[in-house]
C-alpha atoms as a PDB file:
ATOM      1  CA  MET A   1      90.542 116.083  84.128  1.00  0.00           C
ATOM      2  CA  ILE A   2      87.535 116.806  86.312  1.00  0.00           C
ATOM      3  CA  LEU A   3      88.058 114.326  89.174  1.00  0.00           C
ATOM      4  CA  GLN A   4      90.866 112.039  90.224  1.00  0.00           C
ATOM      5  CA  SER A   5      90.951 109.510  93.054  1.00  0.00           C
ATOM      6  CA  ILE A   6      94.014 107.527  94.069  1.00  0.00           C
ATOM      7  CA  GLY A   7      91.806 105.285  96.208  1.00  0.00           C
ATOM      8  CA  PHE A   8      90.484 105.884  99.740  1.00  0.00           C
ATOM      9  CA  LYS A   9      88.409 104.324 102.491  1.00  0.00           C
ATOM     10  CA  ILE A  10      85.110 105.566 103.875  1.00  0.00           C
ATOM     11  CA  GLY A  11      84.293 103.557 106.964  1.00  0.00           C
ATOM     12  CA  GLN A  12      84.539  99.930 105.897  1.00  0.00           C
ATOM     13  CA  PHE A  13      84.259 100.700 102.151  1.00  0.00           C
ATOM     14  CA  PHE A  14      87.179 101.171  99.746  1.00  0.00           C
ATOM     15  CA  ILE A  15      86.670 103.546  96.804  1.00  0.00           C
ATOM     16  CA  PRO A  16      89.131 102.367  94.136  1.00  0.00           C
ATOM     17  CA  PRO A  17      91.351 104.664  92.058  1.00  0.00           C
ATOM     18  CA  PHE A  18      89.638 106.322  89.075  1.00  0.00           C
ATOM     19  CA  GLU A  19      89.742 109.392  86.886  1.00  0.00           C
ATOM     20  CA  LEU A  20      86.864 111.348  85.378  1.00  0.00           C
ATOM     21  CA  ARG A  21      87.458 113.412  82.239  1.00  0.00           C
ATOM     22  CA  GLU A  22      85.122 115.863  80.545  1.00  0.00           C
ATOM     23  CA  GLY A  23      82.420 113.977  78.603  1.00  0.00           C
ATOM     24  CA  GLU A  24      82.673 110.791  80.674  1.00  0.00           C
ATOM     25  CA  LEU A  25      80.119 109.411  83.098  1.00  0.00           C
ATOM     26  CA  ILE A  26      80.637 107.479  86.300  1.00  0.00           C
ATOM     27  CA  GLY A  27      77.902 105.364  87.813  1.00  0.00           C
ATOM     28  CA  ILE A  28      78.027 104.609  91.495  1.00  0.00           C
ATOM     29  CA  CYS A  29      75.837 101.678  92.391  1.00  0.00           C
ATOM     30  CA  LEU A  30      75.065 101.222  96.051  1.00  0.00           C
ATOM     31  CA  TYR A  31      73.023  98.335  97.282  1.00  0.00           C
ATOM     32  CA  GLY A  32      69.576  99.148  98.609  1.00  0.00           C
ATOM     33  CA  GLY A  33      68.821  99.645 102.246  1.00  0.00           C
ATOM     34  CA  SER A  34      69.006 102.391 104.801  1.00  0.00           C
ATOM     35  CA  HIS A  35      72.487 101.280 105.950  1.00  0.00           C
ATOM     36  CA  PHE A  36      73.937 102.874 102.765  1.00  0.00           C
ATOM     37  CA  PHE A  37      72.365 106.327 103.274  1.00  0.00           C
ATOM     38  CA  ASP A  38      75.356 107.564 105.321  1.00  0.00           C
ATOM     39  CA  LEU A  39      77.837 106.329 102.690  1.00  0.00           C
ATOM     40  CA  GLU A  40      75.833 108.103  99.945  1.00  0.00           C
ATOM     41  CA  LYS A  41      75.800 111.361 101.962  1.00  0.00           C
ATOM     42  CA  GLU A  42      79.553 111.172 102.537  1.00  0.00           C
ATOM     43  CA  LEU A  43      80.292 110.487  98.862  1.00  0.00           C
ATOM     44  CA  VAL A  44      78.079 113.418  97.829  1.00  0.00           C
ATOM     45  CA  ALA A  45      79.908 115.675 100.346  1.00  0.00           C
ATOM     46  CA  LEU A  46      83.290 114.581  98.970  1.00  0.00           C
ATOM     47  CA  PHE A  47      82.394 114.994  95.290  1.00  0.00           C
ATOM     48  CA  THR A  48      80.738 118.399  95.884  1.00  0.00           C
ATOM     49  CA  GLN A  49      83.747 119.486  98.002  1.00  0.00           C
ATOM     50  CA  LYS A  50      81.796 120.093 101.176  1.00  0.00           C
ATOM     51  CA  ILE A  51      84.468 117.949 102.850  1.00  0.00           C
ATOM     52  CA  LYS A  52      87.989 117.348 101.592  1.00  0.00           C
ATOM     53  CA  HIS A  53      90.008 114.147 101.281  1.00  0.00           C
ATOM     54  CA  PRO A  54      93.724 114.116 100.492  1.00  0.00           C
ATOM     55  CA  ASN A  55      93.354 111.219  98.035  1.00  0.00           C
ATOM     56  CA  LEU A  56      90.600 112.915  96.008  1.00  0.00           C
ATOM     57  CA  VAL A  57      91.263 115.828  93.683  1.00  0.00           C
ATOM     58  CA  VAL A  58      88.193 117.667  92.362  1.00  0.00           C
ATOM     59  CA  GLU A  59      89.180 120.104  89.631  1.00  0.00           C
ATOM     60  CA  GLN A  60      85.638 121.288  88.800  1.00  0.00           C
ATOM     61  CA  PRO A  61      82.805 121.433  91.336  1.00  0.00           C
ATOM     62  CA  PHE A  62      79.951 118.961  91.137  1.00  0.00           C
ATOM     63  CA  ARG A  63      76.309 119.531  91.860  1.00  0.00           C
ATOM     64  CA  PHE A  64      74.162 116.875  93.499  1.00  0.00           C
ATOM     65  CA  VAL A  65      70.540 116.707  92.458  1.00  0.00           C
ATOM     66  CA  GLU A  66      68.224 114.848  94.809  1.00  0.00           C
ATOM     67  CA  PRO A  67      66.278 112.053  93.114  1.00  0.00           C
ATOM     68  CA  ILE A  68      62.720 112.983  92.063  1.00  0.00           C
ATOM     69  CA  ARG A  69      60.278 110.817  93.976  1.00  0.00           C
END
């Protein structure tokens, strides 16, 4: 297992429970608009382990690659 979430809240958003195993992909679709930038930054920080959350276990570190514009 690479990543396991038992569900948690970020602000007013609930991230449901999920598991990520080697070879699997997870797509996170956020609606457009600048009001989702902070949520995206916080999710990136959680998944790359810059900040910790007790309901999120990251077994292997993630790398975030900024979109090419």
